[in-house]
């Protein structure tokens, strides 16, 4: 959206250059062909960029929405797979001869600083 605003402002500023008065020339000047040709080329480029940017925004909006949907679906599927894997792991651990081993409780680690 910011790019469109910058391009539109550039088109307006460029169109102002078609008036010789805006270039500081006397009012009876009919135009400066070289500057007017550059200005018209600039307007054509800016117009093309406006069209391309608008088209990109339309395409990107649809892609972003679909990408978000795919990511949420993929995330849900992965969570389901991980849960099933942990359930299978616990079942296999219980079938081991010693049964499921509980993780050892963390030792009480205390830090003491001595100055000496």
PDB file of N, CA and C in Angstrom:
ATOM      1  N   UNK A   1       0.827  -1.183   0.000  1.00  0.00           N
ATOM      2  CA  UNK A   1       0.000   0.000   0.000  1.00  0.00           C
ATOM      3  C   UNK A   1       0.874   1.250   0.000  1.00  0.00           C
ATOM      4  N   UNK A   2       1.975   1.209   0.712  1.00  0.00           N
ATOM      5  CA  UNK A   2       2.877   2.366   0.753  1.00  0.00           C
ATOM      6  C   UNK A   2       3.498   2.595  -0.616  1.00  0.00           C
ATOM      7  N   UNK A   3       3.828   1.495  -1.290  1.00  0.00           N
ATOM      8  CA  UNK A   3       4.422   1.620  -2.623  1.00  0.00           C
ATOM      9  C   UNK A   3       3.437   2.296  -3.579  1.00  0.00           C
ATOM     10  N   UNK A   4       2.162   1.935  -3.475  1.00  0.00           N
ATOM     11  CA  UNK A   4       1.153   2.570  -4.335  1.00  0.00           C
ATOM     12  C   UNK A   4       1.044   4.060  -4.049  1.00  0.00           C
ATOM     13  N   UNK A   5       1.120   4.439  -2.792  1.00  0.00           N
ATOM     14  CA  UNK A   5       1.044   5.858  -2.444  1.00  0.00           C
ATOM     15  C   UNK A   5       2.246   6.617  -3.002  1.00  0.00           C
ATOM     16  N   UNK A   6       3.432   6.027  -2.895  1.00  0.00           N
ATOM     17  CA  UNK A   6       4.638   6.682  -3.419  1.00  0.00           C
ATOM     18  C   UNK A   6       4.547   6.822  -4.930  1.00  0.00           C
ATOM     19  N   UNK A   7       4.083   5.758  -5.609  1.00  0.00           N
ATOM     20  CA  UNK A   7       3.959   5.834  -7.061  1.00  0.00           C
ATOM     21  C   UNK A   7       2.922   6.865  -7.484  1.00  0.00           C
ATOM     22  N   UNK A   8       1.800   6.919  -6.784  1.00  0.00           N
ATOM     23  CA  UNK A   8       0.767   7.900  -7.127  1.00  0.00           C
ATOM     24  C   UNK A   8       1.285   9.322  -6.911  1.00  0.00           C
ATOM     25  N   UNK A   9       2.002   9.537  -5.821  1.00  0.00           N
ATOM     26  CA  UNK A   9       2.572  10.859  -5.567  1.00  0.00           C
ATOM     27  C   UNK A   9       3.599  11.213  -6.637  1.00  0.00           C
ATOM     28  N   UNK A  10       4.385  10.236  -7.068  1.00  0.00           N
ATOM     29  CA  UNK A  10       5.354  10.471  -8.149  1.00  0.00           C
ATOM     30  C   UNK A  10       4.668  10.820  -9.452  1.00  0.00           C
ATOM     31  N   UNK A  11       3.542  10.169  -9.738  1.00  0.00           N
ATOM     32  CA  UNK A  11       2.803  10.476 -10.967  1.00  0.00           C
ATOM     33  C   UNK A  11       2.240  11.892 -10.920  1.00  0.00           C
ATOM     34  N   UNK A  12       1.742  12.294  -9.772  1.00  0.00           N
ATOM     35  CA  UNK A  12       1.201  13.648  -9.640  1.00  0.00           C
ATOM     36  C   UNK A  12       2.312  14.682  -9.789  1.00  0.00           C
ATOM     37  N   UNK A  13       3.450  14.437  -9.145  1.00  0.00           N
ATOM     38  CA  UNK A  13       4.578  15.371  -9.247  1.00  0.00           C
ATOM     39  C   UNK A  13       5.093  15.436 -10.682  1.00  0.00           C
ATOM     40  N   UNK A  14       5.129  14.302 -11.353  1.00  0.00           N
ATOM     41  CA  UNK A  14       5.596  14.280 -12.739  1.00  0.00           C
ATOM     42  C   UNK A  14       4.626  15.007 -13.653  1.00  0.00           C
ATOM     43  N   UNK A  15       3.338  14.839 -13.422  1.00  0.00           N
ATOM     44  CA  UNK A  15       2.348  15.532 -14.247  1.00  0.00           C
ATOM     45  C   UNK A  15       2.463  17.043 -14.083  1.00  0.00           C
ATOM     46  N   UNK A  16       2.867  17.477 -12.899  1.00  0.00           N
ATOM     47  CA  UNK A  16       3.038  18.919 -12.684  1.00  0.00           C
ATOM     48  C   UNK A  16       4.163  19.473 -13.558  1.00  0.00           C
ATOM     49  N   UNK A  17       5.115  18.636 -13.926  1.00  0.00           N
ATOM     50  CA  UNK A  17       6.223  19.102 -14.768  1.00  0.00           C
ATOM     51  C   UNK A  17       5.800  19.358 -16.205  1.00  0.00           C
ATOM     52  N   UNK A  18       4.614  18.887 -16.594  1.00  0.00           N
ATOM     53  CA  UNK A  18       4.148  19.154 -17.954  1.00  0.00           C
ATOM     54  C   UNK A  18       3.779  20.625 -18.143  1.00  0.00           C
ATOM     55  N   UNK A  19       3.562  21.324 -17.060  1.00  0.00           N
ATOM     56  CA  UNK A  19       3.252  22.753 -17.139  1.00  0.00           C
ATOM     57  C   UNK A  19       4.560  23.549 -17.100  1.00  0.00           C
ATOM     58  N   UNK A  20       4.864  24.303 -18.151  1.00  0.00           N
ATOM     59  CA  UNK A  20       6.120  25.074 -18.166  1.00  0.00           C
ATOM     60  C   UNK A  20       6.205  26.071 -17.007  1.00  0.00           C
ATOM     61  N   UNK A  21       5.082  26.534 -16.531  1.00  0.00           N
ATOM     62  CA  UNK A  21       5.081  27.490 -15.429  1.00  0.00           C
ATOM     63  C   UNK A  21       5.682  26.862 -14.179  1.00  0.00           C
ATOM     64  N   UNK A  22       5.479  25.542 -13.974  1.00  0.00           N
ATOM     65  CA  UNK A  22       6.028  24.887 -12.780  1.00  0.00           C
ATOM     66  C   UNK A  22       7.549  24.754 -12.857  1.00  0.00           C
ATOM     67  N   UNK A  23       8.099  24.901 -14.067  1.00  0.00           N
ATOM     68  CA  UNK A  23       9.544  24.859 -14.232  1.00  0.00           C
ATOM     69  C   UNK A  23      10.187  26.239 -14.086  1.00  0.00           C
ATOM     70  N   UNK A  24       9.377  27.245 -13.797  1.00  0.00           N
ATOM     71  CA  UNK A  24       9.901  28.595 -13.649  1.00  0.00           C
ATOM     72  C   UNK A  24      10.038  29.338 -14.964  1.00  0.00           C
ATOM     73  N   UNK A  25       9.393  28.836 -16.019  1.00  0.00           N
ATOM     74  CA  UNK A  25       9.447  29.484 -17.324  1.00  0.00           C
ATOM     75  C   UNK A  25       8.303  30.487 -17.437  1.00  0.00           C
ATOM     76  N   UNK A  26       8.409  31.439 -18.331  1.00  0.00           N
ATOM     77  CA  UNK A  26       7.331  32.419 -18.516  1.00  0.00           C
ATOM     78  C   UNK A  26       6.037  31.732 -18.952  1.00  0.00           C
ATOM     79  N   UNK A  27       4.912  32.382 -18.685  1.00  0.00           N
ATOM     80  CA  UNK A  27       3.597  31.806 -18.966  1.00  0.00           C
ATOM     81  C   UNK A  27       3.363  31.601 -20.460  1.00  0.00           C
ATOM     82  N   UNK A  28       3.992  32.408 -21.339  1.00  0.00           N
ATOM     83  CA  UNK A  28       3.743  32.278 -22.769  1.00  0.00           C
ATOM     84  C   UNK A  28       4.581  31.179 -23.427  1.00  0.00           C
ATOM     85  N   UNK A  29       5.415  30.485 -22.645  1.00  0.00           N
ATOM     86  CA  UNK A  29       6.206  29.377 -23.183  1.00  0.00           C
ATOM     87  C   UNK A  29       5.278  28.207 -23.456  1.00  0.00           C
ATOM     88  N   UNK A  30       5.388  27.625 -24.647  1.00  0.00           N
ATOM     89  CA  UNK A  30       4.486  26.535 -25.025  1.00  0.00           C
ATOM     90  C   UNK A  30       4.975  25.174 -24.549  1.00  0.00           C
ATOM     91  N   UNK A  31       6.160  25.065 -24.149  1.00  0.00           N
ATOM     92  CA  UNK A  31       6.657  23.785 -23.642  1.00  0.00           C
ATOM     93  C   UNK A  31       8.102  23.577 -24.009  1.00  0.00           C
ATOM     94  N   UNK A  32       8.723  22.717 -23.276  1.00  0.00           N
ATOM     95  CA  UNK A  32      10.100  22.357 -23.526  1.00  0.00           C
ATOM     96  C   UNK A  32      10.072  20.907 -23.983  1.00  0.00           C
ATOM     97  N   UNK A  33      10.263  20.666 -25.280  1.00  0.00           N
ATOM     98  CA  UNK A  33      10.056  19.310 -25.811  1.00  0.00           C
ATOM     99  C   UNK A  33      10.844  18.209 -25.103  1.00  0.00           C
ATOM    100  N   UNK A  34      12.118  18.471 -24.794  1.00  0.00           N
ATOM    101  CA  UNK A  34      12.927  17.437 -24.165  1.00  0.00           C
ATOM    102  C   UNK A  34      12.404  17.089 -22.776  1.00  0.00           C
ATOM    103  N   UNK A  35      12.124  18.114 -21.976  1.00  0.00           N
ATOM    104  CA  UNK A  35      11.611  17.889 -20.614  1.00  0.00           C
ATOM    105  C   UNK A  35      10.236  17.234 -20.677  1.00  0.00           C
ATOM    106  N   UNK A  36       9.415  17.670 -21.627  1.00  0.00           N
ATOM    107  CA  UNK A  36       8.080  17.082 -21.743  1.00  0.00           C
ATOM    108  C   UNK A  36       8.169  15.614 -22.168  1.00  0.00           C
ATOM    109  N   UNK A  37       9.107  15.292 -23.046  1.00  0.00           N
ATOM    110  CA  UNK A  37       9.281  13.895 -23.459  1.00  0.00           C
ATOM    111  C   UNK A  37       9.734  13.035 -22.276  1.00  0.00           C
ATOM    112  N   UNK A  38      10.677  13.552 -21.483  1.00  0.00           N
ATOM    113  CA  UNK A  38      11.114  12.820 -20.297  1.00  0.00           C
ATOM    114  C   UNK A  38       9.959  12.634 -19.304  1.00  0.00           C
ATOM    115  N   UNK A  39       9.164  13.673 -19.155  1.00  0.00           N
ATOM    116  CA  UNK A  39       8.035  13.622 -18.232  1.00  0.00           C
ATOM    117  C   UNK A  39       7.005  12.593 -18.679  1.00  0.00           C
ATOM    118  N   UNK A  40       6.726  12.566 -19.971  1.00  0.00           N
ATOM    119  CA  UNK A  40       5.751  11.606 -20.494  1.00  0.00           C
ATOM    120  C   UNK A  40       6.287  10.175 -20.325  1.00  0.00           C
ATOM    121  N   UNK A  41       7.581   9.982 -20.555  1.00  0.00           N
ATOM    122  CA  UNK A  41       8.175   8.655 -20.326  1.00  0.00           C
ATOM    123  C   UNK A  41       8.090   8.270 -18.852  1.00  0.00           C
ATOM    124  N   UNK A  42       8.358   9.222 -17.978  1.00  0.00           N
ATOM    125  CA  UNK A  42       8.251   8.972 -16.543  1.00  0.00           C
ATOM    126  C   UNK A  42       6.830   8.581 -16.163  1.00  0.00           C
ATOM    127  N   UNK A  43       5.844   9.277 -16.714  1.00  0.00           N
ATOM    128  CA  UNK A  43       4.445   8.951 -16.430  1.00  0.00           C
ATOM    129  C   UNK A  43       4.092   7.546 -16.922  1.00  0.00           C
ATOM    130  N   UNK A  44       4.619   7.180 -18.071  1.00  0.00           N
ATOM    131  CA  UNK A  44       4.347   5.835 -18.590  1.00  0.00           C
ATOM    132  C   UNK A  44       4.959   4.763 -17.683  1.00  0.00           C
ATOM    133  N   UNK A  45       6.179   4.985 -17.223  1.00  0.00           N
ATOM    134  CA  UNK A  45       6.839   4.024 -16.330  1.00  0.00           C
ATOM    135  C   UNK A  45       6.101   3.927 -15.003  1.00  0.00           C
ATOM    136  N   UNK A  46       5.730   5.071 -14.437  1.00  0.00           N
ATOM    137  CA  UNK A  46       5.011   5.071 -13.155  1.00  0.00           C
ATOM    138  C   UNK A  46       3.646   4.399 -13.309  1.00  0.00           C
ATOM    139  N   UNK A  47       2.975   4.658 -14.411  1.00  0.00           N
ATOM    140  CA  UNK A  47       1.678   4.003 -14.652  1.00  0.00           C
ATOM    141  C   UNK A  47       1.824   2.494 -14.749  1.00  0.00           C
ATOM    142  N   UNK A  48       2.853   2.043 -15.452  1.00  0.00           N
ATOM    143  CA  UNK A  48       3.108   0.610 -15.558  1.00  0.00           C
ATOM    144  C   UNK A  48       3.423   0.017 -14.181  1.00  0.00           C
ATOM    145  N   UNK A  49       4.214   0.726 -13.390  1.00  0.00           N
ATOM    146  CA  UNK A  49       4.536   0.240 -12.050  1.00  0.00           C
ATOM    147  C   UNK A  49       3.302   0.196 -11.156  1.00  0.00           C
ATOM    148  N   UNK A  50       2.412   1.152 -11.312  1.00  0.00           N
ATOM    149  CA  UNK A  50       1.163   1.131 -10.541  1.00  0.00           C
ATOM    150  C   UNK A  50       0.342  -0.107 -10.880  1.00  0.00           C
ATOM    151  N   UNK A  51       0.245  -0.424 -12.160  1.00  0.00           N
ATOM    152  CA  UNK A  51      -0.526  -1.597 -12.577  1.00  0.00           C
ATOM    153  C   UNK A  51       0.122  -2.878 -12.052  1.00  0.00           C
ATOM    154  N   UNK A  52       1.437  -2.998 -12.200  1.00  0.00           N
ATOM    155  CA  UNK A  52       2.141  -4.202 -11.753  1.00  0.00           C
ATOM    156  C   UNK A  52       2.041  -4.351 -10.237  1.00  0.00           C
ATOM    157  N   UNK A  53       2.204  -3.259  -9.503  1.00  0.00           N
ATOM    158  CA  UNK A  53       2.117  -3.318  -8.047  1.00  0.00           C
ATOM    159  C   UNK A  53       0.719  -3.710  -7.597  1.00  0.00           C
ATOM    160  N   UNK A  54      -0.290  -3.145  -8.220  1.00  0.00           N
ATOM    161  CA  UNK A  54      -1.662  -3.522  -7.886  1.00  0.00           C
ATOM    162  C   UNK A  54      -1.914  -4.989  -8.144  1.00  0.00           C
ATOM    163  N   UNK A  55      -1.412  -5.490  -9.263  1.00  0.00           N
ATOM    164  CA  UNK A  55      -1.567  -6.905  -9.595  1.00  0.00           C
ATOM    165  C   UNK A  55      -0.848  -7.797  -8.584  1.00  0.00           C
ATOM    166  N   UNK A  56       0.357  -7.379  -8.175  1.00  0.00           N
ATOM    167  CA  UNK A  56       1.104  -8.140  -7.173  1.00  0.00           C
ATOM    168  C   UNK A  56       0.370  -8.164  -5.841  1.00  0.00           C
ATOM    169  N   UNK A  57      -0.228  -7.052  -5.461  1.00  0.00           N
ATOM    170  CA  UNK A  57      -0.977  -7.011  -4.203  1.00  0.00           C
ATOM    171  C   UNK A  57      -2.165  -7.955  -4.243  1.00  0.00           C
ATOM    172  N   UNK A  58      -2.843  -8.006  -5.371  1.00  0.00           N
ATOM    173  CA  UNK A  58      -3.995  -8.907  -5.501  1.00  0.00           C
ATOM    174  C   UNK A  58      -3.534 -10.361  -5.407  1.00  0.00           C
ATOM    175  N   UNK A  59      -2.446 -10.701  -6.103  1.00  0.00           N
ATOM    176  CA  UNK A  59      -1.936 -12.071  -6.053  1.00  0.00           C
ATOM    177  C   UNK A  59      -1.422 -12.431  -4.670  1.00  0.00           C
ATOM    178  N   UNK A  60      -0.697 -11.531  -4.059  1.00  0.00           N
ATOM    179  CA  UNK A  60      -0.112 -11.795  -2.751  1.00  0.00           C
ATOM    180  C   UNK A  60      -1.174 -11.982  -1.687  1.00  0.00           C
ATOM    181  N   UNK A  61      -2.253 -11.213  -1.752  1.00  0.00           N
ATOM    182  CA  UNK A  61      -3.315 -11.341  -0.745  1.00  0.00           C
ATOM    183  C   UNK A  61      -3.912 -12.742  -0.781  1.00  0.00           C
ATOM    184  N   UNK A  62      -4.157 -13.264  -1.951  1.00  0.00           N
ATOM    185  CA  UNK A  62      -4.696 -14.618  -2.067  1.00  0.00           C
ATOM    186  C   UNK A  62      -3.703 -15.670  -1.621  1.00  0.00           C
ATOM    187  N   UNK A  63      -2.436 -15.491  -1.957  1.00  0.00           N
ATOM    188  CA  UNK A  63      -1.402 -16.451  -1.593  1.00  0.00           C
ATOM    189  C   UNK A  63      -1.196 -16.449  -0.081  1.00  0.00           C
ATOM    190  N   UNK A  64      -1.165 -15.274   0.540  1.00  0.00           N
ATOM    191  CA  UNK A  64      -0.963 -15.197   1.982  1.00  0.00           C
ATOM    192  C   UNK A  64      -2.074 -15.913   2.730  1.00  0.00           C
ATOM    193  N   UNK A  65      -3.304 -15.727   2.287  1.00  0.00           N
ATOM    194  CA  UNK A  65      -4.433 -16.368   2.952  1.00  0.00           C
ATOM    195  C   UNK A  65      -4.334 -17.880   2.821  1.00  0.00           C
ATOM    196  N   UNK A  66      -4.039 -18.357   1.621  1.00  0.00           N
ATOM    197  CA  UNK A  66      -3.945 -19.796   1.386  1.00  0.00           C
ATOM    198  C   UNK A  66      -2.742 -20.386   2.119  1.00  0.00           C
ATOM    199  N   UNK A  67      -1.638 -19.647   2.170  1.00  0.00           N
ATOM    200  CA  UNK A  67      -0.454 -20.115   2.888  1.00  0.00           C
ATOM    201  C   UNK A  67      -0.754 -20.263   4.372  1.00  0.00           C
ATOM    202  N   UNK A  68      -1.469 -19.311   4.943  1.00  0.00           N
ATOM    203  CA  UNK A  68      -1.828 -19.401   6.354  1.00  0.00           C
ATOM    204  C   UNK A  68      -2.707 -20.626   6.612  1.00  0.00           C
ATOM    205  N   UNK A  69      -3.633 -20.895   5.698  1.00  0.00           N
ATOM    206  CA  UNK A  69      -4.490 -22.072   5.854  1.00  0.00           C
ATOM    207  C   UNK A  69      -3.667 -23.351   5.788  1.00  0.00           C
ATOM    208  N   UNK A  70      -2.749 -23.424   4.820  1.00  0.00           N
ATOM    209  CA  UNK A  70      -1.918 -24.622   4.683  1.00  0.00           C
ATOM    210  C   UNK A  70      -1.024 -24.816   5.906  1.00  0.00           C
ATOM    211  N   UNK A  71      -0.465 -23.728   6.420  1.00  0.00           N
ATOM    212  CA  UNK A  71       0.406 -23.834   7.592  1.00  0.00           C
ATOM    213  C   UNK A  71      -0.371 -24.325   8.804  1.00  0.00           C
ATOM    214  N   UNK A  72      -1.584 -23.814   9.007  1.00  0.00           N
ATOM    215  CA  UNK A  72      -2.365 -24.260  10.157  1.00  0.00           C
ATOM    216  C   UNK A  72      -2.765 -25.728   9.998  1.00  0.00           C
ATOM    217  N   UNK A  73      -3.102 -26.144   8.779  1.00  0.00           N
ATOM    218  CA  UNK A  73      -3.429 -27.556   8.553  1.00  0.00           C
ATOM    219  C   UNK A  73      -2.207 -28.436   8.791  1.00  0.00           C
ATOM    220  N   UNK A  74      -1.064 -28.012   8.295  1.00  0.00           N
ATOM    221  CA  UNK A  74       0.165 -28.783   8.456  1.00  0.00           C
ATOM    222  C   UNK A  74       0.555 -28.851   9.930  1.00  0.00           C
ATOM    223  N   UNK A  75       0.407 -27.732  10.648  1.00  0.00           N
ATOM    224  CA  UNK A  75       0.738 -27.701  12.062  1.00  0.00           C
ATOM    225  C   UNK A  75      -0.147 -28.675  12.841  1.00  0.00           C
ATOM    226  N   UNK A  76      -1.443 -28.673  12.535  1.00  0.00           N
ATOM    227  CA  UNK A  76      -2.370 -29.591  13.217  1.00  0.00           C
ATOM    228  C   UNK A  76      -1.992 -31.041  12.921  1.00  0.00           C
ATOM    229  N   UNK A  77      -1.626 -31.339  11.690  1.00  0.00           N
ATOM    230  CA  UNK A  77      -1.239 -32.704  11.333  1.00  0.00           C
ATOM    231  C   UNK A  77       0.043 -33.117  12.058  1.00  0.00           C
ATOM    232  N   UNK A  78       1.017 -32.207  12.136  1.00  0.00           N
ATOM    233  CA  UNK A  78       2.266 -32.528  12.824  1.00  0.00           C
ATOM    234  C   UNK A  78       2.047 -32.744  14.315  1.00  0.00           C
ATOM    235  N   UNK A  79       1.197 -31.941  14.933  1.00  0.00           N
ATOM    236  CA  UNK A  79       0.902 -32.114  16.354  1.00  0.00           C
ATOM    237  C   UNK A  79       0.280 -33.485  16.583  1.00  0.00           C
ATOM    238  N   UNK A  80      -0.639 -33.883  15.714  1.00  0.00           N
ATOM    239  CA  UNK A  80      -1.250 -35.200  15.826  1.00  0.00           C
ATOM    240  C   UNK A  80      -0.223 -36.313  15.683  1.00  0.00           C
ATOM    241  N   UNK A  81       0.709 -36.151  14.737  1.00  0.00           N
ATOM    242  CA  UNK A  81       1.739 -37.165  14.535  1.00  0.00           C
ATOM    243  C   UNK A  81       2.676 -37.262  15.732  1.00  0.00           C
ATOM    244  N   UNK A  82       3.048 -36.118  16.304  1.00  0.00           N
ATOM    245  CA  UNK A  82       3.923 -36.136  17.471  1.00  0.00           C
ATOM    246  C   UNK A  82       3.227 -36.771  18.670  1.00  0.00           C
ATOM    247  N   UNK A  83       1.958 -36.453  18.868  1.00  0.00           N
ATOM    248  CA  UNK A  83       1.222 -37.065  19.982  1.00  0.00           C
ATOM    249  C   UNK A  83       1.154 -38.576  19.806  1.00  0.00           C
ATOM    250  N   UNK A  84       0.875 -39.037  18.601  1.00  0.00           N
ATOM    251  CA  UNK A  84       0.822 -40.470  18.335  1.00  0.00           C
ATOM    252  C   UNK A  84       2.193 -41.115  18.545  1.00  0.00           C
ATOM    253  N   UNK A  85       3.263 -40.422  18.163  1.00  0.00           N
ATOM    254  CA  UNK A  85       4.614 -40.956  18.343  1.00  0.00           C
ATOM    255  C   UNK A  85       4.945 -41.094  19.823  1.00  0.00           C
ATOM    256  N   UNK A  86       4.571 -40.113  20.645  1.00  0.00           N
ATOM    257  CA  UNK A  86       4.849 -40.204  22.076  1.00  0.00           C
ATOM    258  C   UNK A  86       4.013 -41.285  22.745  1.00  0.00           C
ATOM    259  N   UNK A  87       2.778 -41.468  22.302  1.00  0.00           N
ATOM    260  CA  UNK A  87       1.945 -42.553  22.841  1.00  0.00           C
ATOM    261  C   UNK A  87       2.580 -43.893  22.496  1.00  0.00           C
ATOM    262  N   UNK A  88       3.047 -44.053  21.264  1.00  0.00           N
ATOM    263  CA  UNK A  88       3.704 -45.298  20.852  1.00  0.00           C
ATOM    264  C   UNK A  88       4.991 -45.509  21.636  1.00  0.00           C
ATOM    265  N   UNK A  89       5.728 -44.451  21.895  1.00  0.00           N
ATOM    266  CA  UNK A  89       6.977 -44.544  22.662  1.00  0.00           C
ATOM    267  C   UNK A  89       6.683 -45.013  24.070  1.00  0.00           C
ATOM    268  N   UNK A  90       5.677 -44.432  24.712  1.00  0.00           N
ATOM    269  CA  UNK A  90       5.318 -44.848  26.073  1.00  0.00           C
ATOM    270  C   UNK A  90       4.878 -46.313  26.101  1.00  0.00           C
ATOM    271  N   UNK A  91       4.122 -46.722  25.082  1.00  0.00           N
ATOM    272  CA  UNK A  91       3.676 -48.115  25.020  1.00  0.00           C
ATOM    273  C   UNK A  91       4.870 -49.052  24.882  1.00  0.00           C
ATOM    274  N   UNK A  92       5.847 -48.677  24.062  1.00  0.00           N
ATOM    275  CA  UNK A  92       7.042 -49.509  23.908  1.00  0.00           C
ATOM    276  C   UNK A  92       7.866 -49.539  25.189  1.00  0.00           C
ATOM    277  N   UNK A  93       7.954 -48.410  25.886  1.00  0.00           N
ATOM    278  CA  UNK A  93       8.704 -48.366  27.136  1.00  0.00           C
ATOM    279  C   UNK A  93       8.065 -49.260  28.187  1.00  0.00           C
ATOM    280  N   UNK A  94       6.743 -49.328  28.203  1.00  0.00           N
ATOM    281  CA  UNK A  94       6.050 -50.168  29.181  1.00  0.00           C
ATOM    282  C   UNK A  94       6.248 -51.652  28.876  1.00  0.00           C
ATOM    283  N   UNK A  95       6.527 -51.979  27.635  1.00  0.00           N
ATOM    284  CA  UNK A  95       6.740 -53.381  27.262  1.00  0.00           C
ATOM    285  C   UNK A  95       8.162 -53.844  27.581  1.00  0.00           C
ATOM    286  N   UNK A  96       9.060 -52.920  27.886  1.00  0.00           N
ATOM    287  CA  UNK A  96      10.435 -53.288  28.233  1.00  0.00           C
ATOM    288  C   UNK A  96      10.430 -54.049  29.554  1.00  0.00           C
ATOM    289  N   UNK A  97      11.446 -54.884  29.799  1.00  0.00           N
ATOM    290  CA  UNK A  97      11.472 -55.686  31.014  1.00  0.00           C
ATOM    291  C   UNK A  97      11.408 -54.860  32.297  1.00  0.00           C
ATOM    292  N   UNK A  98      12.011 -53.718  32.350  1.00  0.00           N
ATOM    293  CA  UNK A  98      11.990 -52.907  33.579  1.00  0.00           C
ATOM    294  C   UNK A  98      10.783 -51.990  33.657  1.00  0.00           C
ATOM    295  N   UNK A  99       9.919 -52.023  32.669  1.00  0.00           N
ATOM    296  CA  UNK A  99       8.788 -51.102  32.644  1.00  0.00           C
ATOM    297  C   UNK A  99       9.259 -49.716  32.239  1.00  0.00           C
ATOM    298  N   UNK A 100       8.365 -48.769  32.280  1.00  0.00           N
ATOM    299  CA  UNK A 100       8.722 -47.397  31.910  1.00  0.00           C
ATOM    300  C   UNK A 100       9.571 -46.794  33.009  1.00  0.00           C
ATOM    301  N   UNK A 101      10.707 -46.306  32.657  1.00  0.00           N
ATOM    302  CA  UNK A 101      11.585 -45.692  33.648  1.00  0.00           C
ATOM    303  C   UNK A 101      11.250 -44.219  33.758  1.00  0.00           C
ATOM    304  N   UNK A 102      11.096 -43.795  34.982  1.00  0.00           N
ATOM    305  CA  UNK A 102      10.806 -42.386  35.229  1.00  0.00           C
ATOM    306  C   UNK A 102      12.114 -41.612  35.171  1.00  0.00           C
ATOM    307  N   UNK A 103      12.086 -40.428  34.643  1.00  0.00           N
ATOM    308  CA  UNK A 103      13.323 -39.642  34.623  1.00  0.00           C
ATOM    309  C   UNK A 103      13.749 -39.310  36.047  1.00  0.00           C
ATOM    310  N   UNK A 104      15.041 -39.278  36.269  1.00  0.00           N
ATOM    311  CA  UNK A 104      15.564 -38.981  37.602  1.00  0.00           C
ATOM    312  C   UNK A 104      15.212 -37.547  37.985  1.00  0.00           C
ATOM    313  N   UNK A 105      14.899 -37.382  39.255  1.00  0.00           N
ATOM    314  CA  UNK A 105      14.582 -36.033  39.745  1.00  0.00           C
ATOM    315  C   UNK A 105      15.856 -35.202  39.711  1.00  0.00           C
ATOM    316  N   UNK A 106      15.744 -33.979  39.313  1.00  0.00           N
ATOM    317  CA  UNK A 106      16.957 -33.151  39.257  1.00  0.00           C
ATOM    318  C   UNK A 106      17.525 -32.931  40.656  1.00  0.00           C
ATOM    319  N   UNK A 107      18.817 -33.012  40.747  1.00  0.00           N
ATOM    320  CA  UNK A 107      19.480 -32.800  42.041  1.00  0.00           C
ATOM    321  C   UNK A 107      19.369 -31.337  42.424  1.00  0.00           C
ATOM    322  N   UNK A 108      19.350 -31.114  43.715  1.00  0.00           N
ATOM    323  CA  UNK A 108      19.253 -29.740  44.209  1.00  0.00           C
ATOM    324  C   UNK A 108      20.615 -29.084  44.012  1.00  0.00           C
ATOM    325  N   UNK A 109      20.647 -28.190  43.110  1.00  0.00           N
ATOM    326  CA  UNK A 109      21.889 -27.511  42.808  1.00  0.00           C
ATOM    327  C   UNK A 109      21.807 -26.126  43.398  1.00  0.00           C
ATOM    328  N   UNK A 110      22.715 -25.870  44.309  1.00  0.00           N
ATOM    329  CA  UNK A 110      22.748 -24.536  44.884  1.00  0.00           C
ATOM    330  C   UNK A 110      24.121 -23.951  44.636  1.00  0.00           C
ATOM    331  N   UNK A 111      24.138 -22.701  44.408  1.00  0.00           N
ATOM    332  CA  UNK A 111      25.378 -22.018  44.097  1.00  0.00           C
ATOM    333  C   UNK A 111      25.791 -21.204  45.304  1.00  0.00           C
ATOM    334  N   UNK A 112      26.953 -21.438  45.752  1.00  0.00           N
ATOM    335  CA  UNK A 112      27.438 -20.643  46.892  1.00  0.00           C
ATOM    336  C   UNK A 112      28.720 -19.946  46.475  1.00  0.00           C
ATOM    337  N   UNK A 113      28.756 -18.706  46.751  1.00  0.00           N
ATOM    338  CA  UNK A 113      29.930 -17.921  46.423  1.00  0.00           C
ATOM    339  C   UNK A 113      30.697 -17.654  47.710  1.00  0.00           C
ATOM    340  N   UNK A 114      31.936 -17.924  47.666  1.00  0.00           N
ATOM    341  CA  UNK A 114      32.750 -17.629  48.840  1.00  0.00           C
ATOM    342  C   UNK A 114      33.790 -16.614  48.448  1.00  0.00           C
ATOM    343  N   UNK A 115      34.015 -15.738  49.331  1.00  0.00           N
ATOM    344  CA  UNK A 115      35.087 -14.748  49.099  1.00  0.00           C
ATOM    345  C   UNK A 115      36.198 -15.068  50.051  1.00  0.00           C
ATOM    346  N   UNK A 116      37.356 -15.023  49.569  1.00  0.00           N
ATOM    347  CA  UNK A 116      38.387 -15.436  50.481  1.00  0.00           C
ATOM    348  C   UNK A 116      39.646 -14.823  50.299  1.00  0.00           C
TER     349      UNK A 116
END
